[in-house]
Amino acid sequence: MKISPTNCMIIPIPYGMDQSRRITRPQISQLAPFYIFTDPSTVLTGNSALQPAIVNAARLDYGFKAWRVTVSYSLEEGSMSWIPVIDQQRNRQVNTIQNMDHSKVLNLSLYMPLKLTSWWETTNNLFVNDTETNLNLQGNDIQLRGVNYGFNVSSTFKLPEGFVLELSGNYNSPQNWGVISWNATGDMHMGVQKDLGSTWGKLRFNASNLLLTNDWYGTTRQPDNNLMVDLSMKFSERVFMLTWSNTFGNDKVKASRTRQTGASEERNRL
């Protein structure tokens, strides 16, 4: 009997799959019956009758070197969202968080780190969402669908003389949260760090919201439910921070202080 040799090469495929089911419980701040008057006819309040949401999700990951592609799908029953309601008797708009019927999200995301040169590295996150929201508002069934996308990019530049420059930015296309349609948002940040050596530590300068675009503007257009609302959320202006950090003391003494005994490890498990 003659046996022919066989050449076989096994290539591992770096993928992952998981399925989960979890409960999203309301926060105390969402349940508390507080009242915040933003103007004489607009009130922000909690909802003590808010119920937990059940999320069924599935995810598929595929990796190639440092890159990773993820496809996920989630179905959330009783999803929670802030919804404006008109109190016609008091002529008042009440913004409160409520349970919706269900929401569906199909997500495609890409994580893509790149080392362009010996002194320039960048990390890129891109995503696309296909969303569907179903809810009952004042006796009327509403279905909202939409596609939104965005990215988050961060670059690190290693400069001479111990300097490191970091630039980061993000963008989110228009999207729906409940019955509120939000405009596109984006932001840009910058940081410069100087390594002063092992004796003097590090000096860092940060600047955030460089383009003054970290504000939210939204609308609700539901004429059948007497809802014609314009919303805006304005955050801080440009923020500049200068920090200096250094390590003092004996490294050996610090290492002994962080040493854990068996009893302390058991306590951490509780």
Protein backbone atom coordinates (compact mmCIF):
# COMPACT_ATOMS: atom_id res chain seq x y z
CA MET A 1 0.00 0.00 0.00
CA LYS A 2 1.38 3.36 -1.00
CA ILE A 3 0.48 6.44 0.96
CA SER A 4 0.73 9.76 -0.81
CA PRO A 5 2.02 12.66 1.29
CA THR A 6 -0.45 15.44 2.01
CA ASN A 7 0.47 19.05 2.73
CA CYS A 8 -2.03 20.72 5.01
CA MET A 9 -1.98 24.28 6.34
CA ILE A 10 -4.44 25.30 9.03
CA ILE A 11 -5.18 29.02 9.20
CA PRO A 12 -6.99 30.12 12.37
CA ILE A 13 -9.90 32.48 11.76
CA PRO A 14 -10.01 35.15 14.50
CA TYR A 15 -13.74 35.55 14.89
CA GLY A 16 -16.11 35.61 17.81
CA MET A 17 -19.83 35.18 18.31
CA ASP A 18 -21.99 35.80 21.32
CA GLN A 19 -25.64 36.09 22.25
CA SER A 20 -26.89 37.83 25.37
CA ARG A 21 -30.05 38.71 27.23
CA ARG A 22 -29.96 41.35 29.90
CA ILE A 23 -32.14 43.67 31.95
CA THR A 24 -31.69 47.45 31.85
CA ARG A 25 -33.09 48.88 35.06
CA PRO A 26 -34.11 52.52 35.49
CA GLN A 27 -31.79 54.81 37.39
CA ILE A 28 -32.89 56.46 40.61
CA SER A 29 -32.74 59.88 38.93
CA GLN A 30 -35.18 58.63 36.27
CA LEU A 31 -37.65 57.33 38.86
CA ALA A 32 -37.54 60.26 41.29
CA PRO A 33 -40.65 62.51 41.11
CA PHE A 34 -38.68 65.75 40.85
CA TYR A 35 -39.80 68.85 38.94
CA ILE A 36 -37.48 71.19 37.08
CA PHE A 37 -39.09 74.20 35.41
CA THR A 38 -37.02 75.26 32.43
CA ASP A 39 -39.60 77.99 31.76
CA PRO A 40 -43.15 78.73 33.07
CA SER A 41 -44.72 76.26 30.62
CA THR A 42 -42.05 73.51 30.38
CA VAL A 43 -41.33 70.91 33.06
CA LEU A 44 -38.72 68.15 33.33
CA THR A 45 -39.71 65.31 35.67
CA GLY A 46 -39.04 61.67 36.50
CA ASN A 47 -41.41 58.73 36.13
CA SER A 48 -42.01 56.54 39.19
CA ALA A 49 -43.94 54.02 37.01
CA LEU A 50 -40.95 53.36 34.73
CA GLN A 51 -40.34 49.64 34.09
CA PRO A 52 -37.09 47.78 33.28
CA ALA A 53 -36.24 47.04 29.65
CA ILE A 54 -35.29 43.60 28.31
CA VAL A 55 -32.51 43.51 25.70
CA ASN A 56 -31.82 40.53 23.42
CA ALA A 57 -28.60 40.99 21.48
CA ALA A 58 -26.33 39.05 19.13
CA ARG A 59 -22.87 39.99 17.89
CA LEU A 60 -20.34 38.70 15.37
CA ASP A 61 -16.70 39.86 15.44
CA TYR A 62 -13.98 39.31 12.89
CA GLY A 63 -10.39 40.41 13.36
CA PHE A 64 -7.49 40.75 10.96
CA LYS A 65 -4.21 41.71 12.65
CA ALA A 66 -5.20 44.74 14.76
CA TRP A 67 -8.32 45.53 12.72
CA ARG A 68 -11.75 44.41 13.84
CA VAL A 69 -15.17 44.36 12.19
CA THR A 70 -18.29 43.92 14.32
CA VAL A 71 -21.88 43.28 13.26
CA SER A 72 -24.49 43.35 16.01
CA TYR A 73 -28.27 43.29 16.33
CA SER A 74 -30.35 44.13 19.38
CA LEU A 75 -34.05 44.03 20.19
CA GLU A 76 -35.00 46.01 23.28
CA GLU A 77 -38.49 45.56 24.69
CA GLY A 78 -39.75 48.41 26.83
CA SER A 79 -36.83 50.65 25.87
CA MET A 80 -36.65 53.95 27.76
CA SER A 81 -36.46 57.41 26.23
CA TRP A 82 -37.25 61.01 27.12
CA ILE A 83 -40.55 61.96 25.48
CA PRO A 84 -42.33 65.34 25.56
CA VAL A 85 -46.04 65.23 26.42
CA ILE A 86 -48.53 68.10 26.30
CA ASP A 87 -50.72 68.70 29.36
CA GLN A 88 -53.62 70.47 27.64
CA GLN A 89 -55.45 71.33 30.85
CA ARG A 90 -52.49 73.24 32.27
CA ASN A 91 -51.11 74.30 28.88
CA ARG A 92 -47.76 72.80 29.84
CA GLN A 93 -45.14 70.65 28.13
CA VAL A 94 -43.95 67.81 30.37
CA ASN A 95 -40.66 66.13 29.43
CA THR A 96 -40.46 62.72 31.11
CA ILE A 97 -38.82 59.37 30.45
CA GLN A 98 -41.20 56.63 29.34
CA ASN A 99 -41.17 53.02 28.22
CA MET A 100 -41.58 52.51 24.49
CA ASP A 101 -42.94 49.33 22.90
CA HIS A 102 -39.62 48.18 21.46
CA SER A 103 -36.61 49.34 19.49
CA LYS A 104 -34.31 47.54 17.04
CA VAL A 105 -30.72 48.42 16.16
CA LEU A 106 -28.55 46.84 13.46
CA ASN A 107 -24.95 48.03 13.84
CA LEU A 108 -21.84 47.71 11.68
CA SER A 109 -18.61 49.04 13.17
CA LEU A 110 -14.96 49.04 12.15
CA TYR A 111 -11.98 49.49 14.46
CA MET A 112 -8.91 50.37 12.40
CA PRO A 113 -5.61 51.37 14.06
CA LEU A 114 -2.85 52.48 11.70
CA LYS A 115 0.84 53.18 12.15
CA LEU A 116 1.51 55.51 9.24
CA THR A 117 5.11 56.36 10.15
CA SER A 118 7.49 55.79 13.03
CA TRP A 119 6.20 59.02 14.62
CA TRP A 120 2.51 59.03 13.57
CA GLU A 121 -0.12 56.58 14.81
CA THR A 122 -3.86 56.86 14.38
CA THR A 123 -6.88 55.01 15.77
CA ASN A 124 -10.11 55.06 13.78
CA ASN A 125 -13.60 53.91 14.76
CA LEU A 126 -16.40 54.01 12.18
CA PHE A 127 -20.00 52.88 12.60
CA VAL A 128 -23.36 52.71 10.83
CA ASN A 129 -26.68 52.10 12.62
CA ASP A 130 -30.04 51.13 11.15
CA THR A 131 -32.63 51.87 13.85
CA GLU A 132 -36.35 51.29 14.29
CA THR A 133 -38.39 52.67 17.20
CA ASN A 134 -41.98 51.69 17.99
CA LEU A 135 -44.04 53.43 20.65
CA ASN A 136 -47.56 54.46 21.58
CA LEU A 137 -47.91 58.18 22.16
CA GLN A 138 -51.21 59.44 23.56
CA GLY A 139 -53.08 56.52 22.01
CA ASN A 140 -51.39 56.72 18.60
CA ASP A 141 -48.95 54.05 17.36
CA ILE A 142 -45.76 55.58 15.96
CA GLN A 143 -42.88 53.94 14.10
CA LEU A 144 -39.68 55.86 13.41
CA ARG A 145 -36.87 54.49 11.24
CA GLY A 146 -33.53 55.94 10.31
CA VAL A 147 -29.90 55.34 9.43
CA ASN A 148 -27.13 57.21 11.18
CA TYR A 149 -23.38 56.97 10.98
CA GLY A 150 -20.31 58.48 12.54
CA PHE A 151 -16.64 58.17 13.34
CA ASN A 152 -14.09 58.80 16.06
CA VAL A 153 -10.50 59.50 15.00
CA SER A 154 -7.46 59.96 17.23
CA SER A 155 -3.90 60.67 16.06
CA THR A 156 -0.68 60.68 18.07
CA PHE A 157 2.45 62.45 16.83
CA LYS A 158 5.81 61.81 18.51
CA LEU A 159 7.80 65.01 18.12
CA PRO A 160 11.43 65.81 18.93
CA GLU A 161 12.59 66.93 22.39
CA GLY A 162 10.15 64.63 24.20
CA PHE A 163 6.98 66.31 22.90
CA VAL A 164 3.84 64.31 22.02
CA LEU A 165 0.90 65.86 20.14
CA GLU A 166 -2.57 64.28 20.21
CA LEU A 167 -5.50 65.28 18.00
CA SER A 168 -8.94 63.68 18.23
CA GLY A 169 -12.32 64.33 16.68
CA ASN A 170 -15.72 62.75 16.30
CA TYR A 171 -18.84 63.14 14.17
CA ASN A 172 -22.38 61.80 14.54
CA SER A 173 -24.91 62.19 11.74
CA PRO A 174 -28.56 63.16 12.48
CA GLN A 175 -30.33 60.52 14.56
CA ASN A 176 -33.55 59.75 16.43
CA TRP A 177 -33.90 59.38 20.19
CA GLY A 178 -37.49 58.39 20.83
CA VAL A 179 -39.64 60.98 19.05
CA ILE A 180 -36.82 63.56 19.04
CA SER A 181 -34.75 64.02 15.87
CA TRP A 182 -31.32 65.44 16.68
CA ASN A 183 -29.10 67.32 14.25
CA ALA A 184 -25.57 66.23 13.43
CA THR A 185 -22.92 66.81 16.10
CA GLY A 186 -19.15 66.81 16.18
CA ASP A 187 -16.21 67.81 18.30
CA MET A 188 -12.44 68.23 18.20
CA HIS A 189 -9.81 68.07 20.96
CA MET A 190 -6.07 68.66 21.17
CA GLY A 191 -3.37 67.79 23.69
CA VAL A 192 0.37 68.42 23.93
CA GLN A 193 2.60 66.60 26.40
CA LYS A 194 6.22 67.23 27.32
CA ASP A 195 8.25 64.54 29.08
CA LEU A 196 10.52 66.33 31.57
CA GLY A 197 12.39 63.20 32.56
CA SER A 198 12.19 60.81 35.50
CA THR A 199 12.88 63.59 37.99
CA TRP A 200 10.42 66.27 36.87
CA GLY A 201 7.52 64.21 35.50
CA LYS A 202 5.28 65.32 32.64
CA LEU A 203 3.67 68.61 31.63
CA ARG A 204 0.44 68.46 29.62
CA PHE A 205 -1.76 71.05 27.89
CA ASN A 206 -5.30 70.12 26.76
CA ALA A 207 -7.87 72.03 24.73
CA SER A 208 -11.40 70.71 24.18
CA ASN A 209 -14.36 71.77 22.03
CA LEU A 210 -12.06 73.64 19.66
CA LEU A 211 -14.73 74.19 16.98
CA LEU A 212 -17.53 75.11 19.43
CA THR A 213 -19.70 72.36 17.92
CA ASN A 214 -20.50 70.35 21.06
CA ASP A 215 -24.11 71.56 21.20
CA TRP A 216 -27.28 69.57 20.52
CA TYR A 217 -30.29 70.80 18.55
CA GLY A 218 -33.39 68.67 18.04
CA THR A 219 -36.99 68.79 16.90
CA THR A 220 -40.18 66.82 17.44
CA ARG A 221 -42.77 66.98 14.67
CA GLN A 222 -45.90 65.04 15.66
CA PRO A 223 -48.88 67.23 14.68
CA ASP A 224 -51.34 64.36 15.29
CA ASN A 225 -50.24 64.38 18.93
CA ASN A 226 -50.07 68.18 19.22
CA LEU A 227 -46.28 68.02 19.51
CA MET A 228 -44.23 70.65 17.65
CA VAL A 229 -41.12 71.07 19.76
CA ASP A 230 -37.69 72.63 19.21
CA LEU A 231 -34.97 71.66 21.69
CA SER A 232 -31.41 72.76 22.32
CA MET A 233 -28.72 71.61 24.75
CA LYS A 234 -25.73 73.91 25.08
CA PHE A 235 -22.61 72.70 26.83
CA SER A 236 -19.41 74.40 27.95
CA GLU A 237 -17.31 76.61 25.72
CA ARG A 238 -13.69 75.91 24.88
CA VAL A 239 -11.83 74.54 27.87
CA PHE A 240 -8.05 74.84 28.32
CA MET A 241 -6.20 72.85 30.98
CA LEU A 242 -2.54 72.82 32.00
CA THR A 243 -1.48 69.95 34.27
CA TRP A 244 1.77 68.72 35.72
CA SER A 245 2.19 65.19 37.05
CA ASN A 246 5.09 63.55 38.81
CA THR A 247 5.81 60.50 40.93
CA PHE A 248 7.32 61.05 44.36
CA GLY A 249 8.82 58.63 46.85
CA ASN A 250 10.54 55.27 46.67
CA ASP A 251 9.18 52.87 44.05
CA LYS A 252 10.11 49.86 46.18
CA VAL A 253 8.11 51.16 49.13
CA LYS A 254 5.09 51.77 46.89
CA ALA A 255 5.32 48.25 45.50
CA SER A 256 5.26 46.80 49.01
CA ARG A 257 2.23 48.90 49.90
CA THR A 258 0.26 47.56 46.94
CA ARG A 259 1.09 43.93 47.77
CA GLN A 260 -2.10 42.02 48.59
CA THR A 261 -2.43 39.20 51.07
CA GLY A 262 -4.68 36.20 50.66
CA ALA A 263 -7.20 37.65 53.11
CA SER A 264 -7.48 40.91 51.16
CA GLU A 265 -8.01 39.01 47.92
CA GLU A 266 -10.87 37.10 49.55
CA ARG A 267 -12.43 40.36 50.74
CA ASN A 268 -12.28 41.80 47.22
CA ARG A 269 -14.36 38.89 45.95
CA LEU A 270 -17.28 39.85 48.20
